[in-house]
Amino acid sequence: MHPNPTLWALIFGLAVGALILLLSLLTGVCVALAGRSYGDKLQKRYQEKLRQLLPGKDCGQCGCENCDRYARGVLFGVEAENACPYAEDDTPQKMLALVKEMQLLMEDPKPIPKRKKRSFLFRKANK
């Protein structure tokens, strides 16, 4: 007795579908982890940049226990950028600029430059 070809086709189709689903899930997990890792590194880098703008007295007068916590609070919008009494006059503007810069990078990490469309004949004429 020969096996039913329709049954074998169904089994093969299900196996291929399961393999595609497994590869899709694996790819999705890898992309999610890579994106999270990029975001974490970017946030740490900008937190350090904000921290360098502060005097480093760790006085607590801004409402945070130290300057690192204050920089993190400013980065995530929890703390006001002008709460440090010992910061220079232009520090709040610099802090806001850094926060906006980080937000733009999080939205579009590597903008793709637009290419000018040229015809095939135009390229040959310039060579």
N, C-alpha and C. Protein backbone atom coordinates (compact mmCIF):
# COMPACT_ATOMS: atom_id res chain seq x y z
N MET A 1 0.84 -1.17 0.00
CA MET A 1 0.00 0.00 0.00
C MET A 1 0.89 1.23 0.00
N HIS A 2 0.62 2.17 -0.90
CA HIS A 2 1.40 3.40 -1.04
C HIS A 2 0.79 4.51 -0.19
N PRO A 3 1.67 5.35 0.39
CA PRO A 3 1.13 6.46 1.18
C PRO A 3 0.39 7.46 0.28
N ASN A 4 -0.56 8.12 0.84
CA ASN A 4 -1.37 9.10 0.13
C ASN A 4 -0.52 10.33 -0.18
N PRO A 5 -0.35 10.74 -1.45
CA PRO A 5 0.47 11.91 -1.79
C PRO A 5 -0.08 13.21 -1.20
N THR A 6 -1.36 13.30 -1.04
CA THR A 6 -1.95 14.51 -0.46
C THR A 6 -1.53 14.65 1.00
N LEU A 7 -1.49 13.54 1.71
CA LEU A 7 -1.07 13.57 3.10
C LEU A 7 0.39 14.00 3.22
N TRP A 8 1.25 13.49 2.33
CA TRP A 8 2.66 13.88 2.36
C TRP A 8 2.83 15.35 2.00
N ALA A 9 2.06 15.84 1.07
CA ALA A 9 2.13 17.26 0.72
C ALA A 9 1.69 18.13 1.90
N LEU A 10 0.66 17.69 2.62
CA LEU A 10 0.19 18.42 3.78
C LEU A 10 1.25 18.43 4.88
N ILE A 11 1.86 17.28 5.12
CA ILE A 11 2.91 17.20 6.14
C ILE A 11 4.10 18.08 5.76
N PHE A 12 4.51 18.03 4.50
CA PHE A 12 5.62 18.86 4.04
C PHE A 12 5.28 20.34 4.16
N GLY A 13 4.08 20.73 3.79
CA GLY A 13 3.65 22.13 3.89
C GLY A 13 3.64 22.61 5.33
N LEU A 14 3.18 21.78 6.25
CA LEU A 14 3.17 22.15 7.66
C LEU A 14 4.59 22.28 8.21
N ALA A 15 5.47 21.38 7.78
CA ALA A 15 6.86 21.44 8.25
C ALA A 15 7.54 22.72 7.75
N VAL A 16 7.33 23.06 6.50
CA VAL A 16 7.91 24.29 5.94
C VAL A 16 7.33 25.51 6.66
N GLY A 17 6.03 25.52 6.89
CA GLY A 17 5.39 26.62 7.60
C GLY A 17 5.92 26.78 9.01
N ALA A 18 6.12 25.66 9.70
CA ALA A 18 6.66 25.71 11.06
C ALA A 18 8.09 26.24 11.05
N LEU A 19 8.89 25.84 10.06
CA LEU A 19 10.26 26.32 9.95
C LEU A 19 10.29 27.83 9.69
N ILE A 20 9.43 28.30 8.81
CA ILE A 20 9.35 29.73 8.52
C ILE A 20 8.92 30.51 9.77
N LEU A 21 7.95 29.98 10.49
CA LEU A 21 7.50 30.63 11.72
C LEU A 21 8.62 30.69 12.75
N LEU A 22 9.35 29.61 12.91
CA LEU A 22 10.46 29.57 13.86
C LEU A 22 11.55 30.58 13.49
N LEU A 23 11.90 30.64 12.22
CA LEU A 23 12.91 31.61 11.77
C LEU A 23 12.43 33.05 11.95
N SER A 24 11.15 33.30 11.72
CA SER A 24 10.60 34.64 11.91
C SER A 24 10.66 35.05 13.37
N LEU A 25 10.28 34.14 14.25
CA LEU A 25 10.34 34.45 15.68
C LEU A 25 11.77 34.70 16.13
N LEU A 26 12.70 33.89 15.67
CA LEU A 26 14.10 34.06 16.03
C LEU A 26 14.64 35.40 15.53
N THR A 27 14.29 35.76 14.32
CA THR A 27 14.71 37.05 13.76
C THR A 27 14.12 38.21 14.56
N GLY A 28 12.86 38.10 14.92
CA GLY A 28 12.21 39.15 15.70
C GLY A 28 12.86 39.34 17.06
N VAL A 29 13.20 38.25 17.71
CA VAL A 29 13.85 38.34 19.02
C VAL A 29 15.22 38.99 18.88
N CYS A 30 15.97 38.59 17.85
CA CYS A 30 17.31 39.17 17.64
C CYS A 30 17.23 40.67 17.37
N VAL A 31 16.27 41.08 16.55
CA VAL A 31 16.11 42.51 16.24
C VAL A 31 15.70 43.28 17.49
N ALA A 32 14.82 42.71 18.29
CA ALA A 32 14.38 43.38 19.52
C ALA A 32 15.55 43.54 20.49
N LEU A 33 16.35 42.50 20.64
CA LEU A 33 17.49 42.59 21.55
C LEU A 33 18.53 43.58 21.06
N ALA A 34 18.77 43.60 19.76
CA ALA A 34 19.74 44.55 19.21
C ALA A 34 19.26 45.98 19.39
N GLY A 35 17.98 46.23 19.17
CA GLY A 35 17.42 47.57 19.35
C GLY A 35 17.49 48.02 20.79
N ARG A 36 17.21 47.10 21.69
CA ARG A 36 17.26 47.45 23.11
C ARG A 36 18.70 47.75 23.54
N SER A 37 19.62 46.95 23.04
CA SER A 37 21.03 47.16 23.37
C SER A 37 21.50 48.52 22.85
N TYR A 38 21.10 48.86 21.63
CA TYR A 38 21.46 50.16 21.05
C TYR A 38 20.89 51.29 21.89
N GLY A 39 19.62 51.16 22.28
CA GLY A 39 18.99 52.19 23.09
C GLY A 39 19.64 52.36 24.44
N ASP A 40 19.99 51.25 25.07
CA ASP A 40 20.64 51.32 26.38
C ASP A 40 22.00 52.01 26.29
N LYS A 41 22.78 51.65 25.28
CA LYS A 41 24.10 52.27 25.11
C LYS A 41 23.97 53.76 24.83
N LEU A 42 23.00 54.11 24.00
CA LEU A 42 22.78 55.51 23.66
C LEU A 42 22.37 56.31 24.89
N GLN A 43 21.48 55.76 25.70
CA GLN A 43 21.05 56.44 26.92
C GLN A 43 22.20 56.62 27.90
N LYS A 44 23.02 55.61 28.05
CA LYS A 44 24.17 55.73 28.96
C LYS A 44 25.15 56.79 28.47
N ARG A 45 25.36 56.83 27.16
CA ARG A 45 26.29 57.82 26.59
C ARG A 45 25.77 59.24 26.83
N TYR A 46 24.48 59.45 26.61
CA TYR A 46 23.93 60.80 26.80
C TYR A 46 23.77 61.14 28.27
N GLN A 47 23.55 60.17 29.12
CA GLN A 47 23.53 60.45 30.55
C GLN A 47 24.90 60.93 31.00
N GLU A 48 25.95 60.33 30.48
CA GLU A 48 27.32 60.75 30.82
C GLU A 48 27.60 62.16 30.28
N LYS A 49 27.09 62.45 29.08
CA LYS A 49 27.29 63.81 28.53
C LYS A 49 26.59 64.85 29.40
N LEU A 50 25.39 64.52 29.86
CA LEU A 50 24.66 65.44 30.75
C LEU A 50 25.40 65.59 32.07
N ARG A 51 25.92 64.49 32.57
CA ARG A 51 26.65 64.51 33.84
C ARG A 51 27.88 65.39 33.76
N GLN A 52 28.53 65.41 32.61
CA GLN A 52 29.73 66.24 32.44
C GLN A 52 29.41 67.73 32.44
N LEU A 53 28.18 68.08 32.15
CA LEU A 53 27.78 69.49 32.20
C LEU A 53 27.58 69.98 33.63
N LEU A 54 27.40 69.06 34.56
CA LEU A 54 27.11 69.43 35.95
C LEU A 54 28.40 69.61 36.75
N PRO A 55 28.34 70.40 37.83
CA PRO A 55 29.55 70.68 38.61
C PRO A 55 30.06 69.47 39.41
N GLY A 56 29.23 68.50 39.69
CA GLY A 56 29.69 67.30 40.39
C GLY A 56 29.78 67.43 41.89
N LYS A 57 28.99 68.31 42.49
CA LYS A 57 29.06 68.50 43.95
C LYS A 57 28.27 67.44 44.71
N ASP A 58 27.33 66.77 44.05
CA ASP A 58 26.47 65.76 44.69
C ASP A 58 25.83 66.30 45.97
N CYS A 59 25.33 67.54 45.90
CA CYS A 59 24.81 68.22 47.09
C CYS A 59 23.38 67.81 47.42
N GLY A 60 22.61 67.39 46.42
CA GLY A 60 21.23 67.01 46.66
C GLY A 60 20.24 68.16 46.63
N GLN A 61 20.69 69.37 46.35
CA GLN A 61 19.79 70.53 46.35
C GLN A 61 18.84 70.52 45.15
N CYS A 62 19.13 69.71 44.17
CA CYS A 62 18.24 69.62 43.00
C CYS A 62 17.08 68.67 43.28
N GLY A 63 17.14 67.94 44.37
CA GLY A 63 16.10 66.98 44.69
C GLY A 63 16.53 65.54 44.45
N CYS A 64 17.70 65.35 43.88
CA CYS A 64 18.25 64.02 43.65
C CYS A 64 19.43 63.79 44.59
N GLU A 65 19.72 62.53 44.84
CA GLU A 65 20.80 62.24 45.80
C GLU A 65 22.19 62.55 45.26
N ASN A 66 22.36 62.51 43.94
CA ASN A 66 23.66 62.86 43.37
C ASN A 66 23.49 63.34 41.92
N CYS A 67 24.57 63.79 41.33
CA CYS A 67 24.51 64.36 39.98
C CYS A 67 24.19 63.31 38.92
N ASP A 68 24.61 62.06 39.14
CA ASP A 68 24.28 61.00 38.19
C ASP A 68 22.77 60.78 38.10
N ARG A 69 22.12 60.74 39.25
CA ARG A 69 20.66 60.57 39.28
C ARG A 69 19.96 61.77 38.66
N TYR A 70 20.49 62.93 38.91
CA TYR A 70 19.90 64.14 38.34
C TYR A 70 20.02 64.12 36.81
N ALA A 71 21.19 63.74 36.30
CA ALA A 71 21.38 63.66 34.85
C ALA A 71 20.42 62.65 34.24
N ARG A 72 20.25 61.52 34.87
CA ARG A 72 19.31 60.50 34.38
C ARG A 72 17.88 61.03 34.42
N GLY A 73 17.54 61.75 35.48
CA GLY A 73 16.20 62.33 35.58
C GLY A 73 15.92 63.34 34.49
N VAL A 74 16.91 64.16 34.17
CA VAL A 74 16.75 65.13 33.09
C VAL A 74 16.62 64.40 31.76
N LEU A 75 17.39 63.35 31.57
CA LEU A 75 17.36 62.60 30.32
C LEU A 75 15.98 62.00 30.06
N PHE A 76 15.32 61.52 31.10
CA PHE A 76 14.01 60.90 30.94
C PHE A 76 12.85 61.83 31.23
N GLY A 77 13.14 63.11 31.43
CA GLY A 77 12.08 64.10 31.61
C GLY A 77 11.44 64.11 32.97
N VAL A 78 12.07 63.49 33.96
CA VAL A 78 11.53 63.44 35.32
C VAL A 78 11.95 64.67 36.12
N GLU A 79 13.16 65.15 35.86
CA GLU A 79 13.70 66.31 36.57
C GLU A 79 13.79 67.52 35.64
N ALA A 80 13.65 68.69 36.21
CA ALA A 80 13.78 69.93 35.43
C ALA A 80 15.25 70.18 35.14
N GLU A 81 15.52 70.70 33.96
CA GLU A 81 16.92 70.91 33.55
C GLU A 81 17.57 72.10 34.26
N ASN A 82 16.79 72.91 34.94
CA ASN A 82 17.35 74.08 35.61
C ASN A 82 17.31 73.94 37.14
N ALA A 83 17.28 72.73 37.66
CA ALA A 83 17.16 72.51 39.10
C ALA A 83 18.50 72.59 39.84
N CYS A 84 19.61 72.49 39.13
CA CYS A 84 20.91 72.51 39.79
C CYS A 84 21.31 73.95 40.10
N PRO A 85 21.47 74.31 41.37
CA PRO A 85 21.81 75.69 41.71
C PRO A 85 23.27 76.06 41.39
N TYR A 86 24.12 75.08 41.19
CA TYR A 86 25.54 75.35 40.95
C TYR A 86 25.93 75.27 39.47
N ALA A 87 24.98 74.95 38.62
CA ALA A 87 25.28 74.83 37.18
C ALA A 87 25.47 76.22 36.57
N GLU A 88 26.21 76.27 35.48
CA GLU A 88 26.42 77.53 34.77
C GLU A 88 25.11 77.98 34.13
N ASP A 89 25.05 79.24 33.72
CA ASP A 89 23.81 79.82 33.20
C ASP A 89 23.32 79.14 31.92
N ASP A 90 24.24 78.68 31.07
CA ASP A 90 23.82 78.09 29.80
C ASP A 90 23.65 76.56 29.88
N THR A 91 23.83 75.97 31.06
CA THR A 91 23.71 74.52 31.20
C THR A 91 22.32 73.99 30.87
N PRO A 92 21.22 74.62 31.33
CA PRO A 92 19.90 74.09 30.97
C PRO A 92 19.66 74.01 29.46
N GLN A 93 20.12 75.02 28.71
CA GLN A 93 19.95 74.99 27.26
C GLN A 93 20.78 73.86 26.65
N LYS A 94 22.00 73.67 27.14
CA LYS A 94 22.85 72.58 26.64
C LYS A 94 22.23 71.23 26.95
N MET A 95 21.65 71.12 28.15
CA MET A 95 21.01 69.86 28.54
C MET A 95 19.81 69.55 27.64
N LEU A 96 19.00 70.55 27.39
CA LEU A 96 17.85 70.34 26.51
C LEU A 96 18.28 69.95 25.11
N ALA A 97 19.34 70.57 24.61
CA ALA A 97 19.84 70.24 23.28
C ALA A 97 20.32 68.78 23.23
N LEU A 98 21.00 68.32 24.27
CA LEU A 98 21.46 66.93 24.31
C LEU A 98 20.29 65.95 24.37
N VAL A 99 19.28 66.29 25.15
CA VAL A 99 18.10 65.42 25.26
C VAL A 99 17.40 65.32 23.90
N LYS A 100 17.24 66.45 23.22
CA LYS A 100 16.60 66.43 21.90
C LYS A 100 17.43 65.65 20.89
N GLU A 101 18.75 65.80 20.97
CA GLU A 101 19.65 65.06 20.07
C GLU A 101 19.49 63.55 20.28
N MET A 102 19.43 63.12 21.54
CA MET A 102 19.26 61.70 21.81
C MET A 102 17.91 61.20 21.31
N GLN A 103 16.87 62.00 21.50
CA GLN A 103 15.55 61.59 21.05
C GLN A 103 15.51 61.42 19.53
N LEU A 104 16.18 62.31 18.82
CA LEU A 104 16.24 62.19 17.36
C LEU A 104 16.99 60.93 16.95
N LEU A 105 18.07 60.61 17.64
CA LEU A 105 18.83 59.39 17.32
C LEU A 105 18.02 58.14 17.64
N MET A 106 17.21 58.18 18.67
CA MET A 106 16.39 57.02 19.01
C MET A 106 15.31 56.81 17.95
N GLU A 107 14.80 57.90 17.37
CA GLU A 107 13.77 57.77 16.35
C GLU A 107 14.35 57.28 15.03
N ASP A 108 15.51 57.80 14.64
CA ASP A 108 16.11 57.47 13.36
C ASP A 108 17.62 57.37 13.55
N PRO A 109 18.13 56.18 13.93
CA PRO A 109 19.54 56.05 14.27
C PRO A 109 20.51 56.42 13.15
N LYS A 110 20.23 56.00 11.94
CA LYS A 110 21.12 56.29 10.82
C LYS A 110 20.29 56.73 9.63
N PRO A 111 20.06 58.02 9.52
CA PRO A 111 19.25 58.47 8.38
C PRO A 111 19.93 58.10 7.06
N ILE A 112 19.14 57.63 6.14
CA ILE A 112 19.66 57.26 4.82
C ILE A 112 19.62 58.49 3.93
N PRO A 113 20.78 58.90 3.39
CA PRO A 113 20.78 60.07 2.52
C PRO A 113 20.03 59.78 1.23
N LYS A 114 19.29 60.78 0.78
CA LYS A 114 18.55 60.62 -0.46
C LYS A 114 19.49 60.81 -1.63
N ARG A 115 19.39 59.91 -2.57
CA ARG A 115 20.23 60.01 -3.76
C ARG A 115 19.49 60.76 -4.85
N LYS A 116 20.26 61.48 -5.62
CA LYS A 116 19.67 62.16 -6.76
C LYS A 116 19.46 61.13 -7.86
N LYS A 117 18.31 61.17 -8.46
CA LYS A 117 18.01 60.24 -9.55
C LYS A 117 18.64 60.77 -10.82
N ARG A 118 19.41 59.91 -11.45
CA ARG A 118 20.04 60.28 -12.71
C ARG A 118 19.71 59.24 -13.75
N SER A 119 19.58 59.66 -14.93
CA SER A 119 19.33 58.70 -15.99
C SER A 119 20.63 58.03 -16.39
N PHE A 120 20.53 56.91 -17.04
CA PHE A 120 21.69 56.17 -17.50
C PHE A 120 22.52 57.00 -18.48
N LEU A 121 21.87 57.74 -19.34
CA LEU A 121 22.57 58.54 -20.34
C LEU A 121 23.34 59.70 -19.69
N PHE A 122 22.77 60.27 -18.63
CA PHE A 122 23.42 61.40 -17.95
C PHE A 122 24.72 60.95 -17.29
N ARG A 123 24.73 59.77 -16.71
CA ARG A 123 25.94 59.27 -16.06
C ARG A 123 27.06 59.04 -17.09
N LYS A 124 26.72 58.54 -18.24
CA LYS A 124 27.73 58.32 -19.26
C LYS A 124 28.33 59.63 -19.77
N ALA A 125 27.52 60.64 -19.86
CA ALA A 125 27.98 61.92 -20.39
C ALA A 125 28.99 62.58 -19.43
N ASN A 126 28.85 62.34 -18.12
CA ASN A 126 29.74 62.96 -17.15
C ASN A 126 31.09 62.25 -17.03
N LYS A 127 31.18 61.03 -17.50
CA LYS A 127 32.43 60.27 -17.35
C LYS A 127 33.49 60.68 -18.30
